[in-house]
Amino acid sequence: GPVASGDEDVMADKRKIEVKKQTGA
């Protein structure tokens, strides 16, 4: 599946949900 790539440590449930919704990764 898709992998989201960005210079950011995703280490919080809220941000995890945002990135998943934004990218479908």
mmCIF file of all heavy atoms, coordinates in Angstrom:
data_MODEL
# 
_entry.id   MODEL 
# 
loop_
_atom_site.group_PDB 
_atom_site.id 
_atom_site.type_symbol 
_atom_site.label_atom_id 
_atom_site.label_alt_id 
_atom_site.label_comp_id 
_atom_site.label_asym_id 
_atom_site.label_entity_id 
_atom_site.label_seq_id 
_atom_site.pdbx_PDB_ins_code 
_atom_site.Cartn_x 
_atom_site.Cartn_y 
_atom_site.Cartn_z 
_atom_site.occupancy 
_atom_site.B_iso_or_equiv 
_atom_site.pdbx_formal_charge 
_atom_site.auth_seq_id 
_atom_site.auth_comp_id 
_atom_site.auth_asym_id 
_atom_site.auth_atom_id 
_atom_site.pdbx_PDB_model_num 
ATOM 1   N N   . GLY A 1 1  ? 0.824   -1.192 0.000  1.00 0.00 ? 1  GLY A N   1 
ATOM 2   C CA  . GLY A 1 1  ? 0.000   0.000  0.000  1.00 0.00 ? 1  GLY A CA  1 
ATOM 3   C C   . GLY A 1 1  ? 0.865   1.251  0.000  1.00 0.00 ? 1  GLY A C   1 
ATOM 4   O O   . GLY A 1 1  ? 2.104   1.172  0.035  1.00 0.00 ? 1  GLY A O   1 
ATOM 5   N N   . PRO A 1 2  ? 0.251   2.422  -0.011 1.00 0.00 ? 2  PRO A N   1 
ATOM 6   C CA  . PRO A 1 2  ? 1.010   3.673  -0.028 1.00 0.00 ? 2  PRO A CA  1 
ATOM 7   C C   . PRO A 1 2  ? 1.775   3.895  1.278  1.00 0.00 ? 2  PRO A C   1 
ATOM 8   O O   . PRO A 1 2  ? 1.326   3.491  2.351  1.00 0.00 ? 2  PRO A O   1 
ATOM 9   C CB  . PRO A 1 2  ? -0.071  4.747  -0.214 1.00 0.00 ? 2  PRO A CB  1 
ATOM 10  C CG  . PRO A 1 2  ? -1.269  4.014  -0.733 1.00 0.00 ? 2  PRO A CG  1 
ATOM 11  C CD  . PRO A 1 2  ? -1.201  2.652  -0.151 1.00 0.00 ? 2  PRO A CD  1 
ATOM 12  N N   . VAL A 1 3  ? 2.922   4.533  1.160  1.00 0.00 ? 3  VAL A N   1 
ATOM 13  C CA  . VAL A 1 3  ? 3.706   4.955  2.322  1.00 0.00 ? 3  VAL A CA  1 
ATOM 14  C C   . VAL A 1 3  ? 3.794   6.475  2.315  1.00 0.00 ? 3  VAL A C   1 
ATOM 15  O O   . VAL A 1 3  ? 4.154   7.074  1.293  1.00 0.00 ? 3  VAL A O   1 
ATOM 16  C CB  . VAL A 1 3  ? 5.115   4.334  2.311  1.00 0.00 ? 3  VAL A CB  1 
ATOM 17  C CG1 . VAL A 1 3  ? 5.980   4.933  3.411  1.00 0.00 ? 3  VAL A CG1 1 
ATOM 18  C CG2 . VAL A 1 3  ? 5.035   2.822  2.473  1.00 0.00 ? 3  VAL A CG2 1 
ATOM 19  N N   . ALA A 1 4  ? 3.427   7.095  3.438  1.00 0.00 ? 4  ALA A N   1 
ATOM 20  C CA  . ALA A 1 4  ? 3.515   8.548  3.571  1.00 0.00 ? 4  ALA A CA  1 
ATOM 21  C C   . ALA A 1 4  ? 4.943   8.930  3.928  1.00 0.00 ? 4  ALA A C   1 
ATOM 22  O O   . ALA A 1 4  ? 5.542   8.350  4.834  1.00 0.00 ? 4  ALA A O   1 
ATOM 23  C CB  . ALA A 1 4  ? 2.560   9.037  4.642  1.00 0.00 ? 4  ALA A CB  1 
ATOM 24  N N   . SER A 1 5  ? 5.494   9.895  3.213  1.00 0.00 ? 5  SER A N   1 
ATOM 25  C CA  . SER A 1 5  ? 6.884   10.312 3.380  1.00 0.00 ? 5  SER A CA  1 
ATOM 26  C C   . SER A 1 5  ? 6.930   11.792 3.740  1.00 0.00 ? 5  SER A C   1 
ATOM 27  O O   . SER A 1 5  ? 6.447   12.638 2.991  1.00 0.00 ? 5  SER A O   1 
ATOM 28  C CB  . SER A 1 5  ? 7.665   10.068 2.080  1.00 0.00 ? 5  SER A CB  1 
ATOM 29  O OG  . SER A 1 5  ? 8.982   10.538 2.181  1.00 0.00 ? 5  SER A OG  1 
ATOM 30  N N   . GLY A 1 6  ? 7.529   12.088 4.902  1.00 0.00 ? 6  GLY A N   1 
ATOM 31  C CA  . GLY A 1 6  ? 7.648   13.482 5.308  1.00 0.00 ? 6  GLY A CA  1 
ATOM 32  C C   . GLY A 1 6  ? 8.630   13.623 6.453  1.00 0.00 ? 6  GLY A C   1 
ATOM 33  O O   . GLY A 1 6  ? 8.820   12.694 7.234  1.00 0.00 ? 6  GLY A O   1 
ATOM 34  N N   . ASP A 1 7  ? 9.262   14.777 6.552  1.00 0.00 ? 7  ASP A N   1 
ATOM 35  C CA  . ASP A 1 7  ? 10.252  15.006 7.605  1.00 0.00 ? 7  ASP A CA  1 
ATOM 36  C C   . ASP A 1 7  ? 9.545   15.344 8.915  1.00 0.00 ? 7  ASP A C   1 
ATOM 37  O O   . ASP A 1 7  ? 9.561   16.491 9.386  1.00 0.00 ? 7  ASP A O   1 
ATOM 38  C CB  . ASP A 1 7  ? 11.206  16.132 7.202  1.00 0.00 ? 7  ASP A CB  1 
ATOM 39  C CG  . ASP A 1 7  ? 12.141  15.711 6.075  1.00 0.00 ? 7  ASP A CG  1 
ATOM 40  O OD1 . ASP A 1 7  ? 12.316  14.493 5.875  1.00 0.00 ? 7  ASP A OD1 1 
ATOM 41  O OD2 . ASP A 1 7  ? 12.696  16.582 5.404  1.00 0.00 ? 7  ASP A OD2 1 
ATOM 42  N N   . GLU A 1 8  ? 8.940   14.330 9.491  1.00 0.00 ? 8  GLU A N   1 
ATOM 43  C CA  . GLU A 1 8  ? 8.132   14.519 10.695 1.00 0.00 ? 8  GLU A CA  1 
ATOM 44  C C   . GLU A 1 8  ? 8.033   13.197 11.440 1.00 0.00 ? 8  GLU A C   1 
ATOM 45  O O   . GLU A 1 8  ? 7.708   12.168 10.840 1.00 0.00 ? 8  GLU A O   1 
ATOM 46  C CB  . GLU A 1 8  ? 6.729   15.002 10.301 1.00 0.00 ? 8  GLU A CB  1 
ATOM 47  C CG  . GLU A 1 8  ? 5.738   15.005 11.430 1.00 0.00 ? 8  GLU A CG  1 
ATOM 48  C CD  . GLU A 1 8  ? 4.301   15.253 10.966 1.00 0.00 ? 8  GLU A CD  1 
ATOM 49  O OE1 . GLU A 1 8  ? 4.077   15.384 9.745  1.00 0.00 ? 8  GLU A OE1 1 
ATOM 50  O OE2 . GLU A 1 8  ? 3.419   15.297 11.837 1.00 0.00 ? 8  GLU A OE2 1 
ATOM 51  N N   . ASP A 1 9  ? 8.310   13.213 12.722 1.00 0.00 ? 9  ASP A N   1 
ATOM 52  C CA  . ASP A 1 9  ? 8.041   12.048 13.558 1.00 0.00 ? 9  ASP A CA  1 
ATOM 53  C C   . ASP A 1 9  ? 6.555   12.032 13.902 1.00 0.00 ? 9  ASP A C   1 
ATOM 54  O O   . ASP A 1 9  ? 6.073   12.929 14.607 1.00 0.00 ? 9  ASP A O   1 
ATOM 55  C CB  . ASP A 1 9  ? 8.869   12.102 14.843 1.00 0.00 ? 9  ASP A CB  1 
ATOM 56  C CG  . ASP A 1 9  ? 10.286  11.599 14.652 1.00 0.00 ? 9  ASP A CG  1 
ATOM 57  O OD1 . ASP A 1 9  ? 10.492  10.759 13.754 1.00 0.00 ? 9  ASP A OD1 1 
ATOM 58  O OD2 . ASP A 1 9  ? 11.177  12.035 15.393 1.00 0.00 ? 9  ASP A OD2 1 
ATOM 59  N N   . VAL A 1 10 ? 5.844   11.058 13.396 1.00 0.00 ? 10 VAL A N   1 
ATOM 60  C CA  . VAL A 1 10 ? 4.430   10.900 13.740 1.00 0.00 ? 10 VAL A CA  1 
ATOM 61  C C   . VAL A 1 10 ? 4.369   10.005 14.966 1.00 0.00 ? 10 VAL A C   1 
ATOM 62  O O   . VAL A 1 10 ? 4.568   8.794  14.885 1.00 0.00 ? 10 VAL A O   1 
ATOM 63  C CB  . VAL A 1 10 ? 3.634   10.302 12.565 1.00 0.00 ? 10 VAL A CB  1 
ATOM 64  C CG1 . VAL A 1 10 ? 2.177   10.097 12.953 1.00 0.00 ? 10 VAL A CG1 1 
ATOM 65  C CG2 . VAL A 1 10 ? 3.731   11.222 11.347 1.00 0.00 ? 10 VAL A CG2 1 
ATOM 66  N N   . MET A 1 11 ? 4.114   10.610 16.121 1.00 0.00 ? 11 MET A N   1 
ATOM 67  C CA  . MET A 1 11 ? 4.181   9.893  17.394 1.00 0.00 ? 11 MET A CA  1 
ATOM 68  C C   . MET A 1 11 ? 3.019   10.273 18.308 1.00 0.00 ? 11 MET A C   1 
ATOM 69  O O   . MET A 1 11 ? 3.173   10.397 19.518 1.00 0.00 ? 11 MET A O   1 
ATOM 70  C CB  . MET A 1 11 ? 5.513   10.183 18.099 1.00 0.00 ? 11 MET A CB  1 
ATOM 71  C CG  . MET A 1 11 ? 6.742   9.729  17.331 1.00 0.00 ? 11 MET A CG  1 
ATOM 72  S SD  . MET A 1 11 ? 8.268   9.877  18.295 1.00 0.00 ? 11 MET A SD  1 
ATOM 73  C CE  . MET A 1 11 ? 8.298   11.645 18.591 1.00 0.00 ? 11 MET A CE  1 
ATOM 74  N N   . ALA A 1 12 ? 1.854   10.472 17.714 1.00 0.00 ? 12 ALA A N   1 
ATOM 75  C CA  . ALA A 1 12 ? 0.665   10.792 18.501 1.00 0.00 ? 12 ALA A CA  1 
ATOM 76  C C   . ALA A 1 12 ? -0.559  10.277 17.760 1.00 0.00 ? 12 ALA A C   1 
ATOM 77  O O   . ALA A 1 12 ? -0.625  10.339 16.529 1.00 0.00 ? 12 ALA A O   1 
ATOM 78  C CB  . ALA A 1 12 ? 0.553   12.302 18.725 1.00 0.00 ? 12 ALA A CB  1 
ATOM 79  N N   . ASP A 1 13 ? -1.507  9.763  18.515 1.00 0.00 ? 13 ASP A N   1 
ATOM 80  C CA  . ASP A 1 13 ? -2.694  9.174  17.895 1.00 0.00 ? 13 ASP A CA  1 
ATOM 81  C C   . ASP A 1 13 ? -3.429  10.174 17.005 1.00 0.00 ? 13 ASP A C   1 
ATOM 82  O O   . ASP A 1 13 ? -3.879  9.831  15.909 1.00 0.00 ? 13 ASP A O   1 
ATOM 83  C CB  . ASP A 1 13 ? -3.649  8.651  18.978 1.00 0.00 ? 13 ASP A CB  1 
ATOM 84  C CG  . ASP A 1 13 ? -3.106  7.420  19.679 1.00 0.00 ? 13 ASP A CG  1 
ATOM 85  O OD1 . ASP A 1 13 ? -2.742  6.458  18.985 1.00 0.00 ? 13 ASP A OD1 1 
ATOM 86  O OD2 . ASP A 1 13 ? -3.044  7.428  20.923 1.00 0.00 ? 13 ASP A OD2 1 
ATOM 87  N N   . LYS A 1 14 ? -3.531  11.417 17.463 1.00 0.00 ? 14 LYS A N   1 
ATOM 88  C CA  . LYS A 1 14 ? -4.243  12.423 16.678 1.00 0.00 ? 14 LYS A CA  1 
ATOM 89  C C   . LYS A 1 14 ? -3.570  12.662 15.342 1.00 0.00 ? 14 LYS A C   1 
ATOM 90  O O   . LYS A 1 14 ? -4.225  12.703 14.289 1.00 0.00 ? 14 LYS A O   1 
ATOM 91  C CB  . LYS A 1 14 ? -4.332  13.732 17.466 1.00 0.00 ? 14 LYS A CB  1 
ATOM 92  C CG  . LYS A 1 14 ? -5.070  14.834 16.713 1.00 0.00 ? 14 LYS A CG  1 
ATOM 93  C CD  . LYS A 1 14 ? -5.114  16.119 17.531 1.00 0.00 ? 14 LYS A CD  1 
ATOM 94  C CE  . LYS A 1 14 ? -5.814  17.223 16.744 1.00 0.00 ? 14 LYS A CE  1 
ATOM 95  N NZ  . LYS A 1 14 ? -5.845  18.502 17.525 1.00 0.00 ? 14 LYS A NZ  1 
ATOM 96  N N   . ARG A 1 15 ? -2.251  12.826 15.350 1.00 0.00 ? 15 ARG A N   1 
ATOM 97  C CA  . ARG A 1 15 ? -1.525  13.079 14.101 1.00 0.00 ? 15 ARG A CA  1 
ATOM 98  C C   . ARG A 1 15 ? -1.536  11.858 13.206 1.00 0.00 ? 15 ARG A C   1 
ATOM 99  O O   . ARG A 1 15 ? -1.626  11.992 11.972 1.00 0.00 ? 15 ARG A O   1 
ATOM 100 C CB  . ARG A 1 15 ? -0.083  13.499 14.429 1.00 0.00 ? 15 ARG A CB  1 
ATOM 101 C CG  . ARG A 1 15 ? 0.735   13.848 13.198 1.00 0.00 ? 15 ARG A CG  1 
ATOM 102 C CD  . ARG A 1 15 ? 0.119   14.968 12.404 1.00 0.00 ? 15 ARG A CD  1 
ATOM 103 N NE  . ARG A 1 15 ? 0.912   15.289 11.229 1.00 0.00 ? 15 ARG A NE  1 
ATOM 104 C CZ  . ARG A 1 15 ? 0.394   15.709 10.077 1.00 0.00 ? 15 ARG A CZ  1 
ATOM 105 N NH1 . ARG A 1 15 ? -0.921  15.858 9.952  1.00 0.00 ? 15 ARG A NH1 1 
ATOM 106 N NH2 . ARG A 1 15 ? 1.178   15.972 9.060  1.00 0.00 ? 15 ARG A NH2 1 
ATOM 107 N N   . LYS A 1 16 ? -1.467  10.682 13.788 1.00 0.00 ? 16 LYS A N   1 
ATOM 108 C CA  . LYS A 1 16 ? -1.546  9.444  13.014 1.00 0.00 ? 16 LYS A CA  1 
ATOM 109 C C   . LYS A 1 16 ? -2.840  9.387  12.215 1.00 0.00 ? 16 LYS A C   1 
ATOM 110 O O   . LYS A 1 16 ? -2.841  9.059  11.022 1.00 0.00 ? 16 LYS A O   1 
ATOM 111 C CB  . LYS A 1 16 ? -1.452  8.251  13.963 1.00 0.00 ? 16 LYS A CB  1 
ATOM 112 C CG  . LYS A 1 16 ? -1.699  6.906  13.321 1.00 0.00 ? 16 LYS A CG  1 
ATOM 113 C CD  . LYS A 1 16 ? -1.629  5.799  14.361 1.00 0.00 ? 16 LYS A CD  1 
ATOM 114 C CE  . LYS A 1 16 ? -1.933  4.438  13.751 1.00 0.00 ? 16 LYS A CE  1 
ATOM 115 N NZ  . LYS A 1 16 ? -1.789  3.350  14.756 1.00 0.00 ? 16 LYS A NZ  1 
ATOM 116 N N   . ILE A 1 17 ? -3.938  9.713  12.851 1.00 0.00 ? 17 ILE A N   1 
ATOM 117 C CA  . ILE A 1 17 ? -5.242  9.688  12.173 1.00 0.00 ? 17 ILE A CA  1 
ATOM 118 C C   . ILE A 1 17 ? -5.275  10.721 11.054 1.00 0.00 ? 17 ILE A C   1 
ATOM 119 O O   . ILE A 1 17 ? -5.802  10.463 9.963  1.00 0.00 ? 17 ILE A O   1 
ATOM 120 C CB  . ILE A 1 17 ? -6.368  9.942  13.194 1.00 0.00 ? 17 ILE A CB  1 
ATOM 121 C CG1 . ILE A 1 17 ? -6.479  8.755  14.162 1.00 0.00 ? 17 ILE A CG1 1 
ATOM 122 C CG2 . ILE A 1 17 ? -7.703  10.168 12.484 1.00 0.00 ? 17 ILE A CG2 1 
ATOM 123 C CD1 . ILE A 1 17 ? -7.364  9.011  15.359 1.00 0.00 ? 17 ILE A CD1 1 
ATOM 124 N N   . GLU A 1 18 ? -4.691  11.898 11.300 1.00 0.00 ? 18 GLU A N   1 
ATOM 125 C CA  . GLU A 1 18 ? -4.671  12.954 10.281 1.00 0.00 ? 18 GLU A CA  1 
ATOM 126 C C   . GLU A 1 18 ? -3.893  12.513 9.043  1.00 0.00 ? 18 GLU A C   1 
ATOM 127 O O   . GLU A 1 18 ? -4.363  12.702 7.907  1.00 0.00 ? 18 GLU A O   1 
ATOM 128 C CB  . GLU A 1 18 ? -4.046  14.225 10.861 1.00 0.00 ? 18 GLU A CB  1 
ATOM 129 C CG  . GLU A 1 18 ? -4.881  14.919 11.900 1.00 0.00 ? 18 GLU A CG  1 
ATOM 130 C CD  . GLU A 1 18 ? -4.149  16.073 12.571 1.00 0.00 ? 18 GLU A CD  1 
ATOM 131 O OE1 . GLU A 1 18 ? -2.907  16.186 12.384 1.00 0.00 ? 18 GLU A OE1 1 
ATOM 132 O OE2 . GLU A 1 18 ? -4.803  16.854 13.282 1.00 0.00 ? 18 GLU A OE2 1 
ATOM 133 N N   . VAL A 1 19 ? -2.699  11.943 9.252  1.00 0.00 ? 19 VAL A N   1 
ATOM 134 C CA  . VAL A 1 19 ? -1.870  11.527 8.115  1.00 0.00 ? 19 VAL A CA  1 
ATOM 135 C C   . VAL A 1 19 ? -2.547  10.397 7.345  1.00 0.00 ? 19 VAL A C   1 
ATOM 136 O O   . VAL A 1 19 ? -2.549  10.384 6.100  1.00 0.00 ? 19 VAL A O   1 
ATOM 137 C CB  . VAL A 1 19 ? -0.465  11.093 8.592  1.00 0.00 ? 19 VAL A CB  1 
ATOM 138 C CG1 . VAL A 1 19 ? 0.330   10.492 7.445  1.00 0.00 ? 19 VAL A CG1 1 
ATOM 139 C CG2 . VAL A 1 19 ? 0.273   12.290 9.186  1.00 0.00 ? 19 VAL A CG2 1 
ATOM 140 N N   . LYS A 1 20 ? -3.133  9.455  8.048  1.00 0.00 ? 20 LYS A N   1 
ATOM 141 C CA  . LYS A 1 20 ? -3.826  8.353  7.395  1.00 0.00 ? 20 LYS A CA  1 
ATOM 142 C C   . LYS A 1 20 ? -4.997  8.865  6.550  1.00 0.00 ? 20 LYS A C   1 
ATOM 143 O O   . LYS A 1 20 ? -5.193  8.443  5.402  1.00 0.00 ? 20 LYS A O   1 
ATOM 144 C CB  . LYS A 1 20 ? -4.316  7.359  8.441  1.00 0.00 ? 20 LYS A CB  1 
ATOM 145 C CG  . LYS A 1 20 ? -4.972  6.125  7.853  1.00 0.00 ? 20 LYS A CG  1 
ATOM 146 C CD  . LYS A 1 20 ? -5.348  5.132  8.939  1.00 0.00 ? 20 LYS A CD  1 
ATOM 147 C CE  . LYS A 1 20 ? -5.986  3.879  8.355  1.00 0.00 ? 20 LYS A CE  1 
ATOM 148 N NZ  . LYS A 1 20 ? -6.323  2.897  9.412  1.00 0.00 ? 20 LYS A NZ  1 
ATOM 149 N N   . LYS A 1 21 ? -5.764  9.796  7.097  1.00 0.00 ? 21 LYS A N   1 
ATOM 150 C CA  . LYS A 1 21 ? -6.912  10.357 6.365  1.00 0.00 ? 21 LYS A CA  1 
ATOM 151 C C   . LYS A 1 21 ? -6.438  11.184 5.172  1.00 0.00 ? 21 LYS A C   1 
ATOM 152 O O   . LYS A 1 21 ? -7.027  11.140 4.088  1.00 0.00 ? 21 LYS A O   1 
ATOM 153 C CB  . LYS A 1 21 ? -7.750  11.217 7.312  1.00 0.00 ? 21 LYS A CB  1 
ATOM 154 C CG  . LYS A 1 21 ? -8.985  11.818 6.659  1.00 0.00 ? 21 LYS A CG  1 
ATOM 155 C CD  . LYS A 1 21 ? -9.796  12.613 7.668  1.00 0.00 ? 21 LYS A CD  1 
ATOM 156 C CE  . LYS A 1 21 ? -11.031 13.222 7.017  1.00 0.00 ? 21 LYS A CE  1 
ATOM 157 N NZ  . LYS A 1 21 ? -11.831 14.020 8.000  1.00 0.00 ? 21 LYS A NZ  1 
ATOM 158 N N   . GLN A 1 22 ? -5.367  11.914 5.351  1.00 0.00 ? 22 GLN A N   1 
ATOM 159 C CA  . GLN A 1 22 ? -4.839  12.799 4.317  1.00 0.00 ? 22 GLN A CA  1 
ATOM 160 C C   . GLN A 1 22 ? -4.285  12.029 3.123  1.00 0.00 ? 22 GLN A C   1 
ATOM 161 O O   . GLN A 1 22 ? -4.440  12.442 1.970  1.00 0.00 ? 22 GLN A O   1 
ATOM 162 C CB  . GLN A 1 22 ? -3.736  13.667 4.934  1.00 0.00 ? 22 GLN A CB  1 
ATOM 163 C CG  . GLN A 1 22 ? -3.011  14.589 3.978  1.00 0.00 ? 22 GLN A CG  1 
ATOM 164 C CD  . GLN A 1 22 ? -1.797  15.225 4.641  1.00 0.00 ? 22 GLN A CD  1 
ATOM 165 O OE1 . GLN A 1 22 ? -1.335  14.779 5.703  1.00 0.00 ? 22 GLN A OE1 1 
ATOM 166 N NE2 . GLN A 1 22 ? -1.273  16.266 4.034  1.00 0.00 ? 22 GLN A NE2 1 
ATOM 167 N N   . THR A 1 23 ? -3.637  10.897 3.382  1.00 0.00 ? 23 THR A N   1 
ATOM 168 C CA  . THR A 1 23 ? -2.886  10.201 2.337  1.00 0.00 ? 23 THR A CA  1 
ATOM 169 C C   . THR A 1 23 ? -3.460  8.842  1.939  1.00 0.00 ? 23 THR A C   1 
ATOM 170 O O   . THR A 1 23 ? -3.164  8.350  0.847  1.00 0.00 ? 23 THR A O   1 
ATOM 171 C CB  . THR A 1 23 ? -1.436  9.964  2.795  1.00 0.00 ? 23 THR A CB  1 
ATOM 172 O OG1 . THR A 1 23 ? -1.447  9.109  3.959  1.00 0.00 ? 23 THR A OG1 1 
ATOM 173 C CG2 . THR A 1 23 ? -0.750  11.274 3.136  1.00 0.00 ? 23 THR A CG2 1 
ATOM 174 N N   . GLY A 1 24 ? -4.179  8.196  2.838  1.00 0.00 ? 24 GLY A N   1 
ATOM 175 C CA  . GLY A 1 24 ? -4.597  6.814  2.600  1.00 0.00 ? 24 GLY A CA  1 
ATOM 176 C C   . GLY A 1 24 ? -3.455  5.831  2.748  1.00 0.00 ? 24 GLY A C   1 
ATOM 177 O O   . GLY A 1 24 ? -3.565  4.666  2.332  1.00 0.00 ? 24 GLY A O   1 
ATOM 178 N N   . ALA A 1 25 ? -2.350  6.272  3.360  1.00 0.00 ? 25 ALA A N   1 
ATOM 179 C CA  . ALA A 1 25 ? -1.170  5.422  3.497  1.00 0.00 ? 25 ALA A CA  1 
ATOM 180 C C   . ALA A 1 25 ? -1.364  4.372  4.575  1.00 0.00 ? 25 ALA A C   1 
ATOM 181 O O   . ALA A 1 25 ? -2.196  4.519  5.478  1.00 0.00 ? 25 ALA A O   1 
ATOM 182 C CB  . ALA A 1 25 ? 0.061   6.272  3.819  1.00 0.00 ? 25 ALA A CB  1 
# 
